Amino acid sequence: MPIVTISRQYGAGGSSVAGIVAASLGAEVVDKKLIEEVANRLSIRPSDVEAETERPRTLLESLVRSFSALEPGLGTGWTPPYPDPLFDPRKAIIELTEQIINEVADGGNVIIVGRGAGFVLRDRPGIFRVFLRAPGDVRVKTLMTRLGLSEAGTKRKMNETDSNRAAYSKQLYGRDWCDPDEYDLVVNTGRVSYQAAAQMILSGVRERVLAPA
């Protein structure tokens, strides 16, 4: 059963393309569901999970976390947001996210969008890894309609999100998020429709994953 991972630039149509591919394969799309499952298992809000995933840790956050593990006297005046000062919520979220990605991959016939799934599963057989991109001006138009922001505000949000995703992959997996060599297929959804992009993915899956050995 095929397992497709879709990495995507913000506004390149990841969820839309995933839905089309999933409908053709009779597969499940794992996107927001993954966030909800992590939140449920950790008994926290989905918004807290989303805030921690696909976001790099800043130097300040790393220093604060390391200081919190030292003697209590060094942290006077600062109270950690969790009862256990050694508990690292981001680490827990990331580890559980990777665990759930592997769990859903074990079942097969799934389309996993984002969350570094392509890097988590890169050594597993039967994986078809996709990257969706599009020119900035195309994505800005798409996102302005979706987000209801100004053009300037949309550009800031787009660039910030893409930078965070790239840094997240680099920090956790030491991989270049935009390197085409990391993927089986790279599609420019600014040049082809979402439907056409989905058909390219399906063709690749049939050739690379579903074809008889």
C-alpha atoms as a PDB file:
ATOM      1  CA  MET A   1       0.000   0.000   0.000  1.00  0.00           C
ATOM      2  CA  PRO A   2       1.462   3.396  -0.967  1.00  0.00           C
ATOM      3  CA  ILE A   3       2.662   5.996   1.480  1.00  0.00           C
ATOM      4  CA  VAL A   4       2.968   9.509   0.050  1.00  0.00           C
ATOM      5  CA  THR A   5       4.566  12.388   1.922  1.00  0.00           C
ATOM      6  CA  ILE A   6       3.932  15.924   0.689  1.00  0.00           C
ATOM      7  CA  SER A   7       6.225  18.758   1.707  1.00  0.00           C
ATOM      8  CA  ARG A   8       5.136  22.142   0.437  1.00  0.00           C
ATOM      9  CA  GLN A   9       5.855  25.812   0.277  1.00  0.00           C
ATOM     10  CA  TYR A  10       3.189  27.815   2.061  1.00  0.00           C
ATOM     11  CA  GLY A  11       0.360  28.465  -0.366  1.00  0.00           C
ATOM     12  CA  ALA A  12       1.428  25.850  -2.933  1.00  0.00           C
ATOM     13  CA  GLY A  13      -1.693  23.744  -2.415  1.00  0.00           C
ATOM     14  CA  GLY A  14      -0.462  20.887  -0.262  1.00  0.00           C
ATOM     15  CA  SER A  15      -3.760  19.988   1.348  1.00  0.00           C
ATOM     16  CA  SER A  16      -5.742  20.424  -1.879  1.00  0.00           C
ATOM     17  CA  VAL A  17      -3.427  18.203  -3.897  1.00  0.00           C
ATOM     18  CA  ALA A  18      -3.290  15.644  -1.081  1.00  0.00           C
ATOM     19  CA  GLY A  19      -7.084  15.433  -1.093  1.00  0.00           C
ATOM     20  CA  ILE A  20      -7.201  14.702  -4.825  1.00  0.00           C
ATOM     21  CA  VAL A  21      -4.489  12.034  -4.567  1.00  0.00           C
ATOM     22  CA  ALA A  22      -6.177  10.438  -1.566  1.00  0.00           C
ATOM     23  CA  ALA A  23      -9.540  10.270  -3.338  1.00  0.00           C
ATOM     24  CA  SER A  24      -7.960   8.425  -6.270  1.00  0.00           C
ATOM     25  CA  LEU A  25      -6.124   5.956  -4.047  1.00  0.00           C
ATOM     26  CA  GLY A  26      -8.864   5.544  -1.457  1.00  0.00           C
ATOM     27  CA  ALA A  27      -6.253   6.711   1.038  1.00  0.00           C
ATOM     28  CA  GLU A  28      -6.418   8.770   4.220  1.00  0.00           C
ATOM     29  CA  VAL A  29      -4.969  12.266   4.435  1.00  0.00           C
ATOM     30  CA  VAL A  30      -3.022  12.933   7.634  1.00  0.00           C
ATOM     31  CA  ASP A  31      -2.519  16.654   8.141  1.00  0.00           C
ATOM     32  CA  LYS A  32      -4.437  18.411  10.896  1.00  0.00           C
ATOM     33  CA  LYS A  33      -5.425  14.981  12.213  1.00  0.00           C
ATOM     34  CA  LEU A  34      -1.807  14.422  13.201  1.00  0.00           C
ATOM     35  CA  ILE A  35      -1.803  17.619  15.252  1.00  0.00           C
ATOM     36  CA  GLU A  36      -5.058  16.618  16.924  1.00  0.00           C
ATOM     37  CA  GLU A  37      -3.724  13.158  17.802  1.00  0.00           C
ATOM     38  CA  VAL A  38      -0.511  14.552  19.307  1.00  0.00           C
ATOM     39  CA  ALA A  39      -2.537  17.066  21.327  1.00  0.00           C
ATOM     40  CA  ASN A  40      -4.887  14.350  22.544  1.00  0.00           C
ATOM     41  CA  ARG A  41      -2.069  12.049  23.708  1.00  0.00           C
ATOM     42  CA  LEU A  42      -0.260  14.866  25.501  1.00  0.00           C
ATOM     43  CA  SER A  43      -3.503  16.379  26.875  1.00  0.00           C
ATOM     44  CA  ILE A  44      -2.726  19.797  25.456  1.00  0.00           C
ATOM     45  CA  ARG A  45      -4.415  22.091  22.944  1.00  0.00           C
ATOM     46  CA  PRO A  46      -3.956  21.506  19.195  1.00  0.00           C
ATOM     47  CA  SER A  47      -2.904  25.149  18.895  1.00  0.00           C
ATOM     48  CA  ASP A  48      -0.001  24.435  21.266  1.00  0.00           C
ATOM     49  CA  VAL A  49       1.134  21.533  19.089  1.00  0.00           C
ATOM     50  CA  GLU A  50       0.857  23.587  15.918  1.00  0.00           C
ATOM     51  CA  ALA A  51       2.882  26.385  17.511  1.00  0.00           C
ATOM     52  CA  GLU A  52       5.731  23.975  18.233  1.00  0.00           C
ATOM     53  CA  THR A  53       5.840  21.984  14.987  1.00  0.00           C
ATOM     54  CA  GLU A  54       7.498  23.187  11.796  1.00  0.00           C
ATOM     55  CA  ARG A  55       9.062  25.981  13.830  1.00  0.00           C
ATOM     56  CA  PRO A  56      12.764  26.196  14.676  1.00  0.00           C
ATOM     57  CA  ARG A  57      13.889  26.690  18.224  1.00  0.00           C
ATOM     58  CA  THR A  58      15.594  30.021  18.751  1.00  0.00           C
ATOM     59  CA  LEU A  59      18.927  30.367  20.523  1.00  0.00           C
ATOM     60  CA  LEU A  60      17.183  32.135  23.414  1.00  0.00           C
ATOM     61  CA  GLU A  61      14.734  29.259  23.886  1.00  0.00           C
ATOM     62  CA  SER A  62      17.585  26.756  23.904  1.00  0.00           C
ATOM     63  CA  LEU A  63      19.472  28.754  26.511  1.00  0.00           C
ATOM     64  CA  VAL A  64      16.398  29.146  28.729  1.00  0.00           C
ATOM     65  CA  ARG A  65      15.753  25.402  28.512  1.00  0.00           C
ATOM     66  CA  SER A  66      19.362  24.600  29.430  1.00  0.00           C
ATOM     67  CA  PHE A  67      19.367  27.082  32.325  1.00  0.00           C
ATOM     68  CA  SER A  68      16.161  25.571  33.681  1.00  0.00           C
ATOM     69  CA  ALA A  69      18.004  22.275  34.144  1.00  0.00           C
ATOM     70  CA  LEU A  70      20.628  23.870  36.370  1.00  0.00           C
ATOM     71  CA  GLU A  71      20.443  24.575  40.085  1.00  0.00           C
ATOM     72  CA  PRO A  72      17.225  26.298  41.191  1.00  0.00           C
ATOM     73  CA  GLY A  73      19.117  29.326  42.485  1.00  0.00           C
ATOM     74  CA  LEU A  74      20.237  30.176  38.955  1.00  0.00           C
ATOM     75  CA  GLY A  75      16.670  30.443  37.799  1.00  0.00           C
ATOM     76  CA  THR A  76      15.387  32.772  40.528  1.00  0.00           C
ATOM     77  CA  GLY A  77      12.654  35.011  39.241  1.00  0.00           C
ATOM     78  CA  TRP A  78      11.696  32.741  36.370  1.00  0.00           C
ATOM     79  CA  THR A  79       9.025  30.077  36.705  1.00  0.00           C
ATOM     80  CA  PRO A  80       8.856  27.414  33.990  1.00  0.00           C
ATOM     81  CA  PRO A  81       5.411  26.976  32.423  1.00  0.00           C
ATOM     82  CA  TYR A  82       5.450  23.249  33.272  1.00  0.00           C
ATOM     83  CA  PRO A  83       5.617  21.606  36.740  1.00  0.00           C
ATOM     84  CA  ASP A  84       8.769  19.672  35.841  1.00  0.00           C
ATOM     85  CA  PRO A  85      11.522  22.127  34.873  1.00  0.00           C
ATOM     86  CA  LEU A  86      13.299  19.358  32.971  1.00  0.00           C
ATOM     87  CA  PHE A  87      10.246  18.685  30.802  1.00  0.00           C
ATOM     88  CA  ASP A  88      10.784  19.973  27.276  1.00  0.00           C
ATOM     89  CA  PRO A  89       7.359  20.352  25.623  1.00  0.00           C
ATOM     90  CA  ARG A  90       8.782  20.849  22.150  1.00  0.00           C
ATOM     91  CA  LYS A  91      10.885  17.707  22.380  1.00  0.00           C
ATOM     92  CA  ALA A  92       7.874  15.733  23.600  1.00  0.00           C
ATOM     93  CA  ILE A  93       5.718  17.049  20.758  1.00  0.00           C
ATOM     94  CA  ILE A  94       8.340  16.309  18.106  1.00  0.00           C
ATOM     95  CA  GLU A  95       9.063  12.792  19.390  1.00  0.00           C
ATOM     96  CA  LEU A  96       5.362  11.953  19.560  1.00  0.00           C
ATOM     97  CA  THR A  97       4.789  13.461  16.115  1.00  0.00           C
ATOM     98  CA  GLU A  98       7.490  11.186  14.674  1.00  0.00           C
ATOM     99  CA  GLN A  99       6.012   8.199  16.515  1.00  0.00           C
ATOM    100  CA  ILE A 100       2.543   8.832  15.078  1.00  0.00           C
ATOM    101  CA  ILE A 101       3.963   9.377  11.574  1.00  0.00           C
ATOM    102  CA  ASN A 102       5.544   5.930  11.802  1.00  0.00           C
ATOM    103  CA  GLU A 103       2.317   4.455  13.164  1.00  0.00           C
ATOM    104  CA  VAL A 104       0.188   5.734  10.289  1.00  0.00           C
ATOM    105  CA  ALA A 105       2.877   4.673   7.801  1.00  0.00           C
ATOM    106  CA  ASP A 106       2.722   1.152   9.242  1.00  0.00           C
ATOM    107  CA  GLY A 107      -0.899   0.992   8.105  1.00  0.00           C
ATOM    108  CA  GLY A 108      -0.078   2.142   4.571  1.00  0.00           C
ATOM    109  CA  ASN A 109      -2.308   3.837   1.996  1.00  0.00           C
ATOM    110  CA  VAL A 110      -1.866   7.259   3.535  1.00  0.00           C
ATOM    111  CA  ILE A 111      -0.968  10.769   2.378  1.00  0.00           C
ATOM    112  CA  ILE A 112       0.999  12.640   5.060  1.00  0.00           C
ATOM    113  CA  VAL A 113       1.248  16.404   4.623  1.00  0.00           C
ATOM    114  CA  GLY A 114       4.115  18.283   6.238  1.00  0.00           C
ATOM    115  CA  ARG A 115       5.506  17.702   9.766  1.00  0.00           C
ATOM    116  CA  GLY A 116       8.824  16.535   8.317  1.00  0.00           C
ATOM    117  CA  ALA A 117       7.256  13.204   7.350  1.00  0.00           C
ATOM    118  CA  GLY A 118       9.420  12.863   4.258  1.00  0.00           C
ATOM    119  CA  PHE A 119      12.541  12.988   6.405  1.00  0.00           C
ATOM    120  CA  VAL A 120      11.121  10.846   9.213  1.00  0.00           C
ATOM    121  CA  LEU A 121      10.289   8.071   6.726  1.00  0.00           C
ATOM    122  CA  ARG A 122      13.075   8.595   4.188  1.00  0.00           C
ATOM    123  CA  ASP A 123      14.648   5.144   4.736  1.00  0.00           C
ATOM    124  CA  ARG A 124      11.384   3.211   4.721  1.00  0.00           C
ATOM    125  CA  PRO A 125      10.559   1.252   1.530  1.00  0.00           C
ATOM    126  CA  GLY A 126       7.367   2.061  -0.334  1.00  0.00           C
ATOM    127  CA  ILE A 127       7.549   5.812   0.279  1.00  0.00           C
ATOM    128  CA  PHE A 128       6.891   8.362  -2.458  1.00  0.00           C
ATOM    129  CA  ARG A 129       8.132  11.781  -1.387  1.00  0.00           C
ATOM    130  CA  VAL A 130       6.783  14.924  -3.040  1.00  0.00           C
ATOM    131  CA  PHE A 131       7.601  18.622  -2.819  1.00  0.00           C
ATOM    132  CA  LEU A 132       5.124  21.247  -4.040  1.00  0.00           C
ATOM    133  CA  ARG A 133       6.336  24.716  -4.899  1.00  0.00           C
ATOM    134  CA  ALA A 134       5.045  27.775  -6.754  1.00  0.00           C
ATOM    135  CA  PRO A 135       6.291  31.283  -7.558  1.00  0.00           C
ATOM    136  CA  GLY A 136       5.885  33.768  -4.741  1.00  0.00           C
ATOM    137  CA  ASP A 137       3.413  35.999  -6.589  1.00  0.00           C
ATOM    138  CA  VAL A 138       1.121  33.044  -7.281  1.00  0.00           C
ATOM    139  CA  ARG A 139       1.178  31.949  -3.669  1.00  0.00           C
ATOM    140  CA  VAL A 140       0.592  35.481  -2.406  1.00  0.00           C
ATOM    141  CA  LYS A 141      -2.625  35.727  -4.455  1.00  0.00           C
ATOM    142  CA  THR A 142      -3.807  32.362  -3.176  1.00  0.00           C
ATOM    143  CA  LEU A 143      -2.985  33.206   0.435  1.00  0.00           C
ATOM    144  CA  MET A 144      -4.493  36.700   0.342  1.00  0.00           C
ATOM    145  CA  THR A 145      -7.846  35.124  -0.508  1.00  0.00           C
ATOM    146  CA  ARG A 146      -7.454  32.468   2.172  1.00  0.00           C
ATOM    147  CA  LEU A 147      -6.069  34.626   4.978  1.00  0.00           C
ATOM    148  CA  GLY A 148      -7.778  37.921   4.281  1.00  0.00           C
ATOM    149  CA  LEU A 149      -4.557  39.860   4.836  1.00  0.00           C
ATOM    150  CA  SER A 150      -2.990  42.701   2.908  1.00  0.00           C
ATOM    151  CA  GLU A 151      -0.408  41.907   0.262  1.00  0.00           C
ATOM    152  CA  ALA A 152       2.408  43.040   2.559  1.00  0.00           C
ATOM    153  CA  GLY A 153       1.014  41.052   5.497  1.00  0.00           C
ATOM    154  CA  THR A 154       0.583  37.980   3.326  1.00  0.00           C
ATOM    155  CA  LYS A 155       4.163  38.164   2.062  1.00  0.00           C
ATOM    156  CA  ARG A 156       5.463  38.407   5.621  1.00  0.00           C
ATOM    157  CA  LYS A 157       3.388  35.422   6.717  1.00  0.00           C
ATOM    158  CA  MET A 158       4.441  33.385   3.675  1.00  0.00           C
ATOM    159  CA  ASN A 159       8.146  34.114   4.041  1.00  0.00           C
ATOM    160  CA  GLU A 160       8.072  33.469   7.789  1.00  0.00           C
ATOM    161  CA  THR A 161       6.281  30.146   7.367  1.00  0.00           C
ATOM    162  CA  ASP A 162       8.623  28.942   4.637  1.00  0.00           C
ATOM    163  CA  SER A 163      11.681  30.010   6.646  1.00  0.00           C
ATOM    164  CA  ASN A 164      10.392  28.174   9.708  1.00  0.00           C
ATOM    165  CA  ARG A 165       9.743  24.984   7.739  1.00  0.00           C
ATOM    166  CA  ALA A 166      13.205  25.084   6.200  1.00  0.00           C
ATOM    167  CA  ALA A 167      14.894  25.724   9.558  1.00  0.00           C
ATOM    168  CA  TYR A 168      12.815  23.001  11.255  1.00  0.00           C
ATOM    169  CA  SER A 169      14.019  20.407   8.731  1.00  0.00           C
ATOM    170  CA  LYS A 170      17.597  21.594   9.013  1.00  0.00           C
ATOM    171  CA  GLN A 171      17.640  21.606  12.829  1.00  0.00           C
ATOM    172  CA  LEU A 172      15.929  18.251  13.305  1.00  0.00           C
ATOM    173  CA  TYR A 173      17.103  16.225  10.327  1.00  0.00           C
ATOM    174  CA  GLY A 174      20.080  18.101   8.901  1.00  0.00           C
ATOM    175  CA  ARG A 175      18.321  18.241   5.531  1.00  0.00           C
ATOM    176  CA  ASP A 176      17.720  21.014   3.029  1.00  0.00           C
ATOM    177  CA  TRP A 177      13.939  21.286   2.789  1.00  0.00           C
ATOM    178  CA  CYS A 178      14.059  22.758  -0.740  1.00  0.00           C
ATOM    179  CA  ASP A 179      16.679  20.392  -2.201  1.00  0.00           C
ATOM    180  CA  PRO A 180      15.009  18.595  -5.145  1.00  0.00           C
ATOM    181  CA  ASP A 181      17.300  15.614  -4.619  1.00  0.00           C
ATOM    182  CA  GLU A 182      15.454  14.896  -1.359  1.00  0.00           C
ATOM    183  CA  TYR A 183      12.244  14.075  -3.262  1.00  0.00           C
ATOM    184  CA  ASP A 184      10.931  11.629  -5.829  1.00  0.00           C
ATOM    185  CA  LEU A 185       8.918  14.391  -7.489  1.00  0.00           C
ATOM    186  CA  VAL A 186       8.897  18.189  -7.397  1.00  0.00           C
ATOM    187  CA  VAL A 187       5.855  19.938  -8.898  1.00  0.00           C
ATOM    188  CA  ASN A 188       5.361  23.636  -9.585  1.00  0.00           C
ATOM    189  CA  THR A 189       1.673  24.270  -8.904  1.00  0.00           C
ATOM    190  CA  GLY A 190       2.061  27.751 -10.313  1.00  0.00           C
ATOM    191  CA  ARG A 191       2.517  26.143 -13.736  1.00  0.00           C
ATOM    192  CA  VAL A 192       0.028  23.277 -13.522  1.00  0.00           C
ATOM    193  CA  SER A 193      -3.337  22.849 -11.813  1.00  0.00           C
ATOM    194  CA  TYR A 194      -3.777  20.985  -8.547  1.00  0.00           C
ATOM    195  CA  GLN A 195      -5.530  18.247 -10.510  1.00  0.00           C
ATOM    196  CA  ALA A 196      -2.573  17.928 -12.877  1.00  0.00           C
ATOM    197  CA  ALA A 197      -0.150  17.899  -9.948  1.00  0.00           C
ATOM    198  CA  ALA A 198      -2.156  15.094  -8.351  1.00  0.00           C
ATOM    199  CA  GLN A 199      -2.048  13.088 -11.590  1.00  0.00           C
ATOM    200  CA  MET A 200       1.742  13.451 -11.705  1.00  0.00           C
ATOM    201  CA  ILE A 201       1.957  12.132  -8.158  1.00  0.00           C
ATOM    202  CA  LEU A 202      -0.355   9.229  -8.954  1.00  0.00           C
ATOM    203  CA  SER A 203       1.730   8.330 -12.008  1.00  0.00           C
ATOM    204  CA  GLY A 204       4.862   8.355  -9.889  1.00  0.00           C
ATOM    205  CA  VAL A 205       3.267   6.227  -7.186  1.00  0.00           C
ATOM    206  CA  ARG A 206       2.086   3.665  -9.718  1.00  0.00           C
ATOM    207  CA  GLU A 207       5.542   3.459 -11.286  1.00  0.00           C
ATOM    208  CA  ARG A 208       7.728   3.599  -8.175  1.00  0.00           C
ATOM    209  CA  VAL A 209       5.563   1.964  -5.523  1.00  0.00           C
ATOM    210  CA  LEU A 210       2.709  -0.043  -6.996  1.00  0.00           C
ATOM    211  CA  ALA A 211       4.428  -1.530 -10.076  1.00  0.00           C
ATOM    212  CA  PRO A 212       5.218  -5.251  -9.782  1.00  0.00           C
ATOM    213  CA  ALA A 213       8.822  -5.908  -8.813  1.00  0.00           C
END
